Amino acid sequence: MNPLDLTTKLNRAGMAPGADSPVAPAADPAFVAKATKAAIEFESFFIGNMLQQMRSGTRAMADDDSVFKDPVNRDMQDMADNMMAGQMAHQRAFGVADAILRQLLPATVAHNAAPAAAPGAQPVPLQTPQQKI
């Protein structure tokens, strides 16, 4: 056997071109918890920023006597948008947190890092089936 034969070494390691890649080691539970929390917070920030941009567009197009241009309502609307963004992120409505977790965590751990469901809530899948358009 030639010691420089790469194909033989890959076959021994289980990494032949047709073979499945070996399973990644399990991640530390503390790291999984921190990564999940950070991913959800980022999704909340993303959704909140999107809602803020949508709200500013609504304010720009609103009439002068509209409730959307009233500065008294502006703070409450912003607070409500931030709370809505947090709730949507915890439900993983947009899938941003799931995409981040798929990149950060091994495949076996990413499926187990699903959010803790509230009583009566439906679990949100990490991957949604692709729909044909």
N, C-alpha and C. Protein backbone atom coordinates (compact mmCIF):
# COMPACT_ATOMS: atom_id res chain seq x y z
N MET A 1 0.84 -1.18 0.00
CA MET A 1 0.00 0.00 0.00
C MET A 1 0.88 1.24 0.00
N ASN A 2 0.51 2.19 -0.79
CA ASN A 2 1.25 3.43 -0.89
C ASN A 2 0.80 4.36 0.24
N PRO A 3 1.74 4.82 1.10
CA PRO A 3 1.33 5.69 2.21
C PRO A 3 0.79 7.03 1.74
N LEU A 4 1.02 7.40 0.51
CA LEU A 4 0.51 8.67 0.00
C LEU A 4 -0.82 8.51 -0.73
N ASP A 5 -1.35 7.31 -0.71
CA ASP A 5 -2.61 7.04 -1.40
C ASP A 5 -3.77 7.65 -0.60
N LEU A 6 -4.29 8.75 -1.08
CA LEU A 6 -5.33 9.48 -0.37
C LEU A 6 -6.66 8.72 -0.38
N THR A 7 -6.95 8.02 -1.43
CA THR A 7 -8.21 7.29 -1.52
C THR A 7 -8.31 6.23 -0.43
N THR A 8 -7.23 5.52 -0.17
CA THR A 8 -7.24 4.49 0.87
C THR A 8 -7.45 5.12 2.23
N LYS A 9 -6.80 6.22 2.49
CA LYS A 9 -6.96 6.89 3.78
C LYS A 9 -8.39 7.41 3.97
N LEU A 10 -8.97 7.94 2.92
CA LEU A 10 -10.34 8.42 3.01
C LEU A 10 -11.32 7.27 3.24
N ASN A 11 -11.08 6.14 2.58
CA ASN A 11 -11.94 4.97 2.78
C ASN A 11 -11.87 4.49 4.21
N ARG A 12 -10.69 4.45 4.79
CA ARG A 12 -10.52 4.01 6.18
C ARG A 12 -11.22 4.96 7.15
N ALA A 13 -11.17 6.22 6.84
CA ALA A 13 -11.79 7.22 7.73
C ALA A 13 -13.29 7.32 7.52
N GLY A 14 -13.83 6.58 6.54
CA GLY A 14 -15.26 6.63 6.28
C GLY A 14 -15.66 7.87 5.51
N MET A 15 -14.71 8.48 4.82
CA MET A 15 -14.99 9.72 4.10
C MET A 15 -14.78 9.53 2.60
N ALA A 16 -15.08 8.36 2.12
CA ALA A 16 -14.97 8.12 0.69
C ALA A 16 -15.97 8.99 -0.05
N PRO A 17 -15.75 9.25 -1.33
CA PRO A 17 -16.65 10.15 -2.06
C PRO A 17 -18.12 9.76 -1.99
N GLY A 18 -18.44 8.49 -1.93
CA GLY A 18 -19.84 8.07 -1.88
C GLY A 18 -20.36 7.85 -0.48
N ALA A 19 -19.48 7.90 0.52
CA ALA A 19 -19.88 7.59 1.90
C ALA A 19 -20.45 8.81 2.58
N ASP A 20 -21.34 8.57 3.53
CA ASP A 20 -21.88 9.66 4.33
C ASP A 20 -20.79 10.18 5.25
N SER A 21 -20.86 11.47 5.56
CA SER A 21 -19.86 12.03 6.46
C SER A 21 -20.14 11.55 7.88
N PRO A 22 -19.09 11.43 8.70
CA PRO A 22 -19.29 10.97 10.06
C PRO A 22 -20.12 11.97 10.85
N VAL A 23 -20.78 11.49 11.86
CA VAL A 23 -21.64 12.32 12.69
C VAL A 23 -20.77 13.26 13.52
N ALA A 24 -21.15 14.53 13.55
CA ALA A 24 -20.39 15.51 14.32
C ALA A 24 -20.60 15.25 15.81
N PRO A 25 -19.61 15.58 16.63
CA PRO A 25 -19.77 15.36 18.07
C PRO A 25 -20.84 16.27 18.63
N ALA A 26 -21.45 15.81 19.69
CA ALA A 26 -22.52 16.59 20.33
C ALA A 26 -21.93 17.87 20.92
N ALA A 27 -22.68 18.94 20.80
CA ALA A 27 -22.23 20.23 21.32
C ALA A 27 -22.52 20.32 22.81
N ASP A 28 -21.80 21.19 23.47
CA ASP A 28 -21.99 21.44 24.89
C ASP A 28 -23.38 22.03 25.12
N PRO A 29 -24.14 21.52 26.10
CA PRO A 29 -25.50 22.05 26.34
C PRO A 29 -25.51 23.54 26.66
N ALA A 30 -24.48 24.03 27.33
CA ALA A 30 -24.43 25.46 27.64
C ALA A 30 -24.27 26.27 26.35
N PHE A 31 -23.44 25.76 25.43
CA PHE A 31 -23.26 26.45 24.15
C PHE A 31 -24.55 26.42 23.34
N VAL A 32 -25.25 25.30 23.36
CA VAL A 32 -26.51 25.18 22.62
C VAL A 32 -27.52 26.18 23.17
N ALA A 33 -27.60 26.31 24.49
CA ALA A 33 -28.55 27.25 25.10
C ALA A 33 -28.20 28.68 24.74
N LYS A 34 -26.91 29.03 24.80
CA LYS A 34 -26.49 30.40 24.46
C LYS A 34 -26.71 30.69 22.97
N ALA A 35 -26.41 29.71 22.13
CA ALA A 35 -26.59 29.91 20.69
C ALA A 35 -28.07 30.07 20.35
N THR A 36 -28.92 29.27 21.00
CA THR A 36 -30.36 29.37 20.76
C THR A 36 -30.89 30.72 21.21
N LYS A 37 -30.46 31.17 22.39
CA LYS A 37 -30.91 32.46 22.90
C LYS A 37 -30.45 33.59 21.97
N ALA A 38 -29.20 33.54 21.54
CA ALA A 38 -28.68 34.59 20.66
C ALA A 38 -29.39 34.57 19.31
N ALA A 39 -29.68 33.40 18.79
CA ALA A 39 -30.37 33.31 17.50
C ALA A 39 -31.78 33.87 17.60
N ILE A 40 -32.47 33.57 18.68
CA ILE A 40 -33.83 34.09 18.87
C ILE A 40 -33.80 35.60 19.06
N GLU A 41 -32.81 36.11 19.80
CA GLU A 41 -32.71 37.56 19.99
C GLU A 41 -32.40 38.26 18.66
N PHE A 42 -31.56 37.62 17.84
CA PHE A 42 -31.27 38.22 16.54
C PHE A 42 -32.52 38.23 15.67
N GLU A 43 -33.29 37.15 15.70
CA GLU A 43 -34.54 37.13 14.92
C GLU A 43 -35.49 38.20 15.43
N SER A 44 -35.54 38.41 16.74
CA SER A 44 -36.39 39.46 17.31
C SER A 44 -35.93 40.83 16.82
N PHE A 45 -34.62 41.06 16.81
CA PHE A 45 -34.08 42.33 16.31
C PHE A 45 -34.43 42.51 14.84
N PHE A 46 -34.29 41.45 14.06
CA PHE A 46 -34.58 41.50 12.63
C PHE A 46 -36.04 41.85 12.38
N ILE A 47 -36.94 41.16 13.08
CA ILE A 47 -38.37 41.41 12.89
C ILE A 47 -38.72 42.81 13.39
N GLY A 48 -38.15 43.23 14.53
CA GLY A 48 -38.42 44.56 15.06
C GLY A 48 -37.97 45.65 14.11
N ASN A 49 -36.81 45.46 13.50
CA ASN A 49 -36.32 46.44 12.54
C ASN A 49 -37.22 46.51 11.32
N MET A 50 -37.68 45.35 10.86
CA MET A 50 -38.58 45.32 9.72
C MET A 50 -39.90 46.03 10.05
N LEU A 51 -40.45 45.76 11.24
CA LEU A 51 -41.70 46.42 11.64
C LEU A 51 -41.49 47.93 11.79
N GLN A 52 -40.33 48.33 12.28
CA GLN A 52 -40.03 49.76 12.43
C GLN A 52 -40.00 50.44 11.06
N GLN A 53 -39.38 49.78 10.07
CA GLN A 53 -39.35 50.36 8.73
C GLN A 53 -40.75 50.43 8.12
N MET A 54 -41.54 49.41 8.36
CA MET A 54 -42.92 49.41 7.86
C MET A 54 -43.73 50.52 8.52
N ARG A 55 -43.54 50.70 9.83
CA ARG A 55 -44.26 51.74 10.56
C ARG A 55 -43.85 53.12 10.08
N SER A 56 -42.56 53.33 9.81
CA SER A 56 -42.12 54.64 9.33
C SER A 56 -42.69 54.93 7.94
N GLY A 57 -42.82 53.90 7.11
CA GLY A 57 -43.47 54.09 5.81
C GLY A 57 -44.93 54.46 5.95
N THR A 58 -45.60 53.82 6.90
CA THR A 58 -47.01 54.13 7.16
C THR A 58 -47.16 55.56 7.65
N ARG A 59 -46.24 55.99 8.51
CA ARG A 59 -46.30 57.36 9.04
C ARG A 59 -46.03 58.38 7.93
N ALA A 60 -45.13 58.06 7.01
CA ALA A 60 -44.82 59.00 5.93
C ALA A 60 -45.99 59.17 4.98
N MET A 61 -46.76 58.11 4.77
CA MET A 61 -47.89 58.18 3.84
C MET A 61 -49.19 58.61 4.50
N ALA A 62 -49.23 58.68 5.82
CA ALA A 62 -50.48 59.01 6.52
C ALA A 62 -50.82 60.49 6.38
N ASP A 63 -52.11 60.78 6.49
CA ASP A 63 -52.58 62.17 6.47
C ASP A 63 -52.12 62.88 7.74
N ASP A 64 -52.20 64.20 7.73
CA ASP A 64 -51.76 64.98 8.89
C ASP A 64 -52.61 64.73 10.13
N ASP A 65 -53.88 64.43 9.95
CA ASP A 65 -54.76 64.19 11.09
C ASP A 65 -54.87 62.71 11.45
N SER A 66 -54.02 61.88 10.86
CA SER A 66 -54.07 60.44 11.08
C SER A 66 -53.53 60.08 12.47
N VAL A 67 -54.02 58.98 13.00
CA VAL A 67 -53.56 58.48 14.30
C VAL A 67 -52.09 58.03 14.22
N PHE A 68 -51.63 57.69 13.01
CA PHE A 68 -50.26 57.25 12.85
C PHE A 68 -49.25 58.38 12.94
N LYS A 69 -49.69 59.62 12.69
CA LYS A 69 -48.79 60.77 12.78
C LYS A 69 -48.80 61.41 14.16
N ASP A 70 -49.69 60.99 15.03
CA ASP A 70 -49.80 61.56 16.36
C ASP A 70 -48.60 61.12 17.20
N PRO A 71 -47.78 62.06 17.72
CA PRO A 71 -46.59 61.67 18.49
C PRO A 71 -46.94 60.97 19.81
N VAL A 72 -48.13 61.17 20.31
CA VAL A 72 -48.53 60.52 21.55
C VAL A 72 -48.64 59.00 21.33
N ASN A 73 -49.16 58.61 20.19
CA ASN A 73 -49.32 57.20 19.89
C ASN A 73 -48.04 56.52 19.43
N ARG A 74 -47.06 57.30 18.99
CA ARG A 74 -45.85 56.75 18.40
C ARG A 74 -45.09 55.84 19.38
N ASP A 75 -44.93 56.27 20.62
CA ASP A 75 -44.19 55.47 21.59
C ASP A 75 -44.89 54.15 21.88
N MET A 76 -46.20 54.21 22.02
CA MET A 76 -46.94 52.97 22.29
C MET A 76 -46.91 52.03 21.08
N GLN A 77 -46.98 52.58 19.89
CA GLN A 77 -46.90 51.74 18.70
C GLN A 77 -45.52 51.09 18.58
N ASP A 78 -44.47 51.84 18.88
CA ASP A 78 -43.13 51.27 18.83
C ASP A 78 -42.96 50.17 19.87
N MET A 79 -43.49 50.40 21.07
CA MET A 79 -43.40 49.37 22.12
C MET A 79 -44.20 48.13 21.72
N ALA A 80 -45.36 48.33 21.14
CA ALA A 80 -46.16 47.19 20.70
C ALA A 80 -45.45 46.43 19.58
N ASP A 81 -44.80 47.15 18.68
CA ASP A 81 -44.05 46.49 17.60
C ASP A 81 -42.90 45.66 18.17
N ASN A 82 -42.20 46.18 19.16
CA ASN A 82 -41.10 45.43 19.77
C ASN A 82 -41.60 44.20 20.50
N MET A 83 -42.72 44.31 21.18
CA MET A 83 -43.29 43.15 21.86
C MET A 83 -43.75 42.11 20.84
N MET A 84 -44.35 42.56 19.75
CA MET A 84 -44.78 41.65 18.69
C MET A 84 -43.58 40.95 18.08
N ALA A 85 -42.49 41.69 17.87
CA ALA A 85 -41.28 41.08 17.30
C ALA A 85 -40.72 40.01 18.22
N GLY A 86 -40.74 40.27 19.53
CA GLY A 86 -40.26 39.27 20.49
C GLY A 86 -41.11 38.01 20.49
N GLN A 87 -42.42 38.18 20.42
CA GLN A 87 -43.31 37.03 20.39
C GLN A 87 -43.14 36.22 19.11
N MET A 88 -43.02 36.91 18.00
CA MET A 88 -42.84 36.22 16.73
C MET A 88 -41.50 35.49 16.68
N ALA A 89 -40.47 36.08 17.27
CA ALA A 89 -39.15 35.44 17.29
C ALA A 89 -39.17 34.19 18.17
N HIS A 90 -39.87 34.23 19.31
CA HIS A 90 -39.94 33.05 20.16
C HIS A 90 -40.73 31.92 19.49
N GLN A 91 -41.62 32.27 18.59
CA GLN A 91 -42.35 31.25 17.83
C GLN A 91 -41.55 30.81 16.60
N ARG A 92 -40.45 31.50 16.36
CA ARG A 92 -39.60 31.24 15.19
C ARG A 92 -40.42 31.34 13.91
N ALA A 93 -41.18 32.41 13.83
CA ALA A 93 -42.11 32.59 12.72
C ALA A 93 -41.40 32.78 11.38
N PHE A 94 -40.25 33.43 11.36
CA PHE A 94 -39.58 33.73 10.10
C PHE A 94 -38.50 32.71 9.76
N GLY A 95 -38.05 31.94 10.73
CA GLY A 95 -37.04 30.93 10.48
C GLY A 95 -35.61 31.45 10.48
N VAL A 96 -35.42 32.70 10.86
CA VAL A 96 -34.06 33.26 10.89
C VAL A 96 -33.24 32.56 11.97
N ALA A 97 -33.81 32.37 13.14
CA ALA A 97 -33.09 31.69 14.23
C ALA A 97 -32.75 30.26 13.84
N ASP A 98 -33.65 29.60 13.16
CA ASP A 98 -33.40 28.23 12.73
C ASP A 98 -32.24 28.16 11.74
N ALA A 99 -32.19 29.12 10.82
CA ALA A 99 -31.10 29.15 9.84
C ALA A 99 -29.75 29.39 10.54
N ILE A 100 -29.75 30.26 11.53
CA ILE A 100 -28.52 30.52 12.28
C ILE A 100 -28.09 29.28 13.04
N LEU A 101 -29.04 28.61 13.68
CA LEU A 101 -28.71 27.41 14.46
C LEU A 101 -28.24 26.28 13.56
N ARG A 102 -28.77 26.17 12.36
CA ARG A 102 -28.29 25.13 11.44
C ARG A 102 -26.83 25.36 11.07
N GLN A 103 -26.39 26.60 11.07
CA GLN A 103 -25.00 26.90 10.74
C GLN A 103 -24.08 26.73 11.94
N LEU A 104 -24.58 27.01 13.14
CA LEU A 104 -23.74 26.98 14.33
C LEU A 104 -23.64 25.61 14.98
N LEU A 105 -24.69 24.83 14.92
CA LEU A 105 -24.74 23.59 15.68
C LEU A 105 -24.68 22.37 14.76
N PRO A 106 -24.18 21.26 15.27
CA PRO A 106 -24.24 20.02 14.49
C PRO A 106 -25.69 19.66 14.19
N ALA A 107 -25.90 18.88 13.16
CA ALA A 107 -27.24 18.56 12.69
C ALA A 107 -28.08 17.87 13.76
N THR A 108 -27.50 16.97 14.52
CA THR A 108 -28.28 16.25 15.52
C THR A 108 -28.69 17.15 16.67
N VAL A 109 -27.87 18.14 17.01
CA VAL A 109 -28.19 19.03 18.12
C VAL A 109 -29.18 20.10 17.67
N ALA A 110 -29.09 20.55 16.42
CA ALA A 110 -29.97 21.61 15.93
C ALA A 110 -31.42 21.18 15.96
N HIS A 111 -31.69 19.91 15.72
CA HIS A 111 -33.08 19.44 15.76
C HIS A 111 -33.59 19.35 17.18
N ASN A 112 -32.70 19.16 18.14
CA ASN A 112 -33.11 19.08 19.54
C ASN A 112 -33.19 20.45 20.20
N ALA A 113 -32.75 21.50 19.54
CA ALA A 113 -32.75 22.84 20.12
C ALA A 113 -34.05 23.57 19.82
N ALA A 114 -35.10 22.85 19.60
CA ALA A 114 -36.40 23.46 19.33
C ALA A 114 -36.85 24.25 20.55
N PRO A 115 -37.62 25.32 20.36
CA PRO A 115 -38.04 26.14 21.49
C PRO A 115 -38.95 25.38 22.43
N ALA A 116 -38.88 25.77 23.69
CA ALA A 116 -39.79 25.17 24.66
C ALA A 116 -41.19 25.69 24.39
N ALA A 117 -42.08 24.79 24.12
CA ALA A 117 -43.43 25.20 23.73
C ALA A 117 -44.25 25.59 24.95
N ALA A 118 -45.03 26.62 24.78
CA ALA A 118 -45.95 27.03 25.84
C ALA A 118 -47.09 26.02 25.89
N PRO A 119 -47.77 25.89 27.03
CA PRO A 119 -48.88 24.94 27.10
C PRO A 119 -49.93 25.26 26.05
N GLY A 120 -50.30 24.27 25.27
CA GLY A 120 -51.32 24.45 24.25
C GLY A 120 -50.80 24.97 22.94
N ALA A 121 -49.50 25.30 22.86
CA ALA A 121 -48.94 25.82 21.62
C ALA A 121 -48.48 24.68 20.74
N GLN A 122 -48.58 24.89 19.46
CA GLN A 122 -48.12 23.89 18.51
C GLN A 122 -46.61 24.03 18.34
N PRO A 123 -45.86 22.94 18.29
CA PRO A 123 -44.42 23.06 18.07
C PRO A 123 -44.14 23.56 16.66
N VAL A 124 -43.14 24.41 16.55
CA VAL A 124 -42.76 24.98 15.27
C VAL A 124 -41.62 24.14 14.70
N PRO A 125 -41.76 23.60 13.50
CA PRO A 125 -40.69 22.78 12.95
C PRO A 125 -39.48 23.63 12.59
N LEU A 126 -38.29 23.04 12.68
CA LEU A 126 -37.08 23.76 12.31
C LEU A 126 -37.03 24.00 10.81
N GLN A 127 -37.47 23.04 10.04
CA GLN A 127 -37.46 23.20 8.60
C GLN A 127 -38.89 23.11 8.09
N THR A 128 -39.25 24.08 7.29
CA THR A 128 -40.59 24.05 6.71
C THR A 128 -40.48 23.43 5.33
N PRO A 129 -41.49 22.68 4.93
CA PRO A 129 -41.42 22.08 3.60
C PRO A 129 -41.46 23.17 2.54
N GLN A 130 -40.67 22.97 1.51
CA GLN A 130 -40.64 23.95 0.44
C GLN A 130 -41.90 23.81 -0.40
N GLN A 131 -42.50 24.95 -0.68
CA GLN A 131 -43.74 24.94 -1.45
C GLN A 131 -43.42 25.32 -2.88
N LYS A 132 -44.14 24.71 -3.81
CA LYS A 132 -43.97 25.06 -5.21
C LYS A 132 -44.77 26.31 -5.51
N ILE A 133 -44.15 27.21 -6.22
CA ILE A 133 -44.81 28.48 -6.54
C ILE A 133 -45.39 28.41 -7.92
